[in-house]
Protein backbone atom coordinates (compact mmCIF):
# COMPACT_ATOMS: atom_id res chain seq x y z
CA MET A 1 110.88 119.07 114.05
CA LEU A 2 107.08 119.03 113.91
CA ASN A 3 107.20 118.21 110.21
CA ASP A 4 109.46 115.25 110.96
CA ILE A 5 106.96 113.93 113.52
CA LYS A 6 104.06 114.30 111.06
CA GLN A 7 106.03 112.77 108.19
CA ASP A 8 107.10 109.80 110.34
CA ALA A 9 103.52 109.25 111.48
CA GLU A 10 102.24 109.40 107.91
CA GLU A 11 104.87 106.91 106.69
CA ARG A 12 104.04 104.48 109.50
CA MET A 13 100.29 104.80 108.83
CA HIS A 14 100.90 104.15 105.13
CA LYS A 15 102.83 100.99 106.06
CA SER A 16 99.88 99.84 108.20
CA VAL A 17 97.57 100.19 105.20
CA ASP A 18 100.09 98.28 103.03
CA VAL A 19 100.20 95.45 105.57
CA LEU A 20 96.40 95.37 105.57
CA GLY A 21 96.46 94.97 101.77
CA ALA A 22 98.91 92.08 102.06
CA ASN A 23 96.72 90.46 104.72
CA PHE A 24 93.64 90.91 102.54
CA ASN A 25 95.42 89.13 99.68
CA LYS A 26 95.79 86.07 101.90
CA ILE A 27 92.02 85.90 102.44
CA ARG A 28 90.63 83.68 99.73
CA THR A 29 87.86 84.87 97.47
CA GLY A 30 86.11 82.77 94.83
CA ARG A 31 88.52 84.06 92.18
CA ALA A 32 91.95 82.64 91.42
CA HIS A 33 94.84 85.01 92.10
CA PRO A 34 98.57 84.16 92.31
CA SER A 35 99.03 86.18 95.52
CA LEU A 36 96.73 83.67 97.22
CA LEU A 37 99.69 81.29 97.51
CA ASP A 38 102.18 83.93 98.77
CA GLY A 39 102.08 82.56 102.31
CA VAL A 40 102.75 78.95 101.26
CA THR A 41 106.26 77.63 101.93
CA VAL A 42 107.69 74.49 100.38
CA ASN A 43 110.35 72.20 101.86
CA TYR A 44 113.13 72.74 99.30
CA TYR A 45 115.96 70.34 100.16
CA GLY A 46 115.41 70.87 103.88
CA ASN A 47 114.83 74.64 103.75
CA PRO A 48 111.40 76.29 103.96
CA THR A 49 111.17 78.29 100.72
CA PRO A 50 108.33 80.49 99.40
CA LEU A 51 106.33 78.73 96.69
CA SER A 52 107.02 81.54 94.22
CA GLN A 53 110.75 80.68 94.37
CA VAL A 54 110.32 77.02 93.36
CA ALA A 55 107.52 77.30 90.78
CA ASN A 56 105.90 79.69 88.34
CA VAL A 57 102.39 80.56 89.57
CA SER A 58 99.89 81.79 86.99
CA VAL A 59 96.13 82.04 86.50
CA LEU A 60 94.76 79.43 84.11
CA ASP A 61 91.19 80.72 84.23
CA ALA A 62 88.99 82.61 86.70
CA ARG A 63 88.80 79.64 89.08
CA THR A 64 92.09 77.79 88.50
CA LEU A 65 95.72 78.49 89.33
CA SER A 66 98.49 76.78 87.39
CA LEU A 67 101.91 75.98 88.90
CA SER A 68 104.93 74.97 86.86
CA PRO A 69 107.71 73.74 89.18
CA TRP A 70 111.25 74.40 88.02
CA GLU A 71 112.30 70.93 89.17
CA ARG A 72 110.20 67.84 88.55
CA ALA A 73 111.22 66.45 91.96
CA MET A 74 109.44 69.37 93.65
CA VAL A 75 105.94 68.39 92.42
CA PRO A 76 105.05 66.19 95.45
CA GLU A 77 106.54 68.74 97.89
CA ILE A 78 104.51 71.57 96.35
CA GLU A 79 101.31 69.48 96.49
CA LYS A 80 101.97 68.67 100.14
CA ALA A 81 102.63 72.33 101.02
CA ILE A 82 99.40 73.51 99.34
CA MET A 83 97.36 70.84 101.13
CA LYS A 84 98.92 71.74 104.51
CA SER A 85 98.14 75.44 104.06
CA ASP A 86 94.90 76.61 105.68
CA LEU A 87 93.47 77.67 102.32
CA GLY A 88 91.29 74.61 101.76
CA LEU A 89 92.75 73.91 98.32
CA ASN A 90 93.31 70.49 96.68
CA PRO A 91 95.92 70.50 93.89
CA VAL A 92 95.59 68.22 90.86
CA THR A 93 98.80 67.09 89.15
CA THR A 94 99.12 66.27 85.46
CA GLY A 95 102.74 65.40 84.80
CA GLU A 96 104.81 68.47 85.58
CA LEU A 97 101.87 70.89 85.79
CA ILE A 98 99.96 71.39 89.02
CA ARG A 99 96.44 72.80 88.78
CA VAL A 100 94.78 74.29 91.84
CA PRO A 101 91.00 74.67 91.34
CA MET A 102 89.26 77.21 93.58
CA PRO A 103 86.25 75.60 95.23
CA MET A 104 83.06 77.63 95.41
CA LEU A 105 82.66 79.52 98.65
CA THR A 106 79.68 78.56 100.78
CA GLU A 107 77.65 81.24 102.54
CA GLU A 108 79.16 80.13 105.84
CA SER A 109 82.75 80.34 104.57
CA ARG A 110 82.05 83.76 103.02
CA LYS A 111 80.83 85.04 106.39
CA GLY A 112 83.91 83.57 108.06
CA TYR A 113 86.21 85.31 105.55
CA ILE A 114 84.32 88.59 106.00
CA LYS A 115 84.74 88.28 109.75
CA GLN A 116 88.46 87.67 109.23
CA ALA A 117 88.69 90.71 106.91
CA ARG A 118 86.91 92.91 109.44
CA ASN A 119 89.30 91.71 112.13
CA GLU A 120 92.31 92.58 109.94
CA ALA A 121 90.82 96.02 109.22
CA GLU A 122 90.25 96.66 112.94
CA ASN A 123 93.87 95.69 113.66
CA ALA A 124 94.99 98.21 111.03
CA ARG A 125 92.79 100.92 112.59
CA ILE A 126 94.25 100.17 116.03
CA SER A 127 97.76 100.38 114.59
CA ILE A 128 96.98 103.75 112.98
CA ARG A 129 95.49 105.09 116.22
CA ASN A 130 98.58 103.96 118.16
CA ILE A 131 100.77 105.82 115.68
CA ARG A 132 98.60 108.93 116.19
CA ARG A 133 98.95 108.58 119.96
CA ASP A 134 102.75 108.32 119.67
CA ALA A 135 102.98 111.35 117.38
CA ILE A 136 100.78 113.48 119.65
CA SER A 137 102.82 112.45 122.70
CA HIS A 138 106.00 113.57 120.88
CA VAL A 139 104.36 116.93 120.17
CA LYS A 140 103.33 117.28 123.82
CA ASP A 141 106.89 116.45 124.90
CA LEU A 142 108.15 119.30 122.70
CA LEU A 143 105.63 121.62 124.37
CA LYS A 144 106.79 120.55 127.84
CA GLU A 145 110.40 121.22 126.86
CA LYS A 146 109.25 124.65 125.63
CA GLU A 147 110.61 123.99 122.12
CA ILE A 148 107.22 124.87 120.60
CA GLY A 149 104.29 127.06 121.63
CA GLU A 150 100.73 126.02 122.44
CA ASP A 151 99.48 127.23 119.04
CA ASP A 152 101.98 125.02 117.24
CA GLU A 153 101.03 122.11 119.47
CA ARG A 154 97.31 122.54 118.77
CA ARG A 155 97.90 122.97 115.02
CA SER A 156 100.12 119.88 114.91
CA GLN A 157 97.55 117.77 116.77
CA ASP A 158 94.88 118.84 114.27
CA GLU A 159 97.13 117.97 111.31
CA ILE A 160 98.01 114.59 112.83
CA GLN A 161 94.29 113.92 113.33
CA LYS A 162 93.59 114.79 109.67
CA ILE A 163 96.32 112.36 108.56
CA THR A 164 94.82 109.71 110.85
CA ASP A 165 91.32 110.27 109.46
CA LYS A 166 92.68 109.92 105.91
CA TYR A 167 94.28 106.54 106.61
CA ILE A 168 91.30 105.25 108.61
CA ALA A 169 89.14 106.12 105.58
CA GLU A 170 91.56 104.14 103.35
CA VAL A 171 91.19 101.13 105.66
CA ASP A 172 87.40 101.41 105.53
CA LYS A 173 87.46 101.69 101.74
CA ALA A 174 89.75 98.64 101.42
CA LEU A 175 87.46 96.67 103.74
CA ALA A 176 84.38 97.62 101.70
CA VAL A 177 86.10 96.46 98.48
CA LYS A 178 87.16 93.16 100.09
CA GLU A 179 83.65 92.52 101.49
CA LYS A 180 82.12 93.21 98.07
CA ASP A 181 84.67 90.87 96.49
CA LEU A 182 83.87 88.13 99.00
CA MET A 183 80.10 88.40 98.52
CA GLU A 184 80.29 88.10 94.71
CA ILE A 185 79.20 84.70 93.48
């Protein structure tokens, strides 16, 4: 029973860190990366469709993404979707190939992206702490129902706290990597 609570808490904390990683991928750095366009949806015959399902996205060089649409008719739709996204990108079309150059980040935009990354990291920490709170409240409920003793309750709280500390450290490490990535010129 206690192991189930700890295992559930650990799985949920791991998912919070995974979501943080996905959110970090959406924050643009100076380098081209296909996951940058993961959040872009294209109007595909009236249906909003992820860009990766209507075109092949690849890295042409360190500062340029290359998109090869599977249908020639989708080229203007893809351009429109990239321009509408809040990424600040301007695609350039040459026939059936769409190139997306990554503009250089200004000091101001870097600071804005770092602020956004810190906000995402804080949201992940809050999520992990809420999971800890839920797990500890489940343990306390078991103590109230006299299904476990006080020693087991204390030990479980300590183990849950260790799990929490581990995942908070992962969030901090991911944030440090993202900040370093953003500050590189």
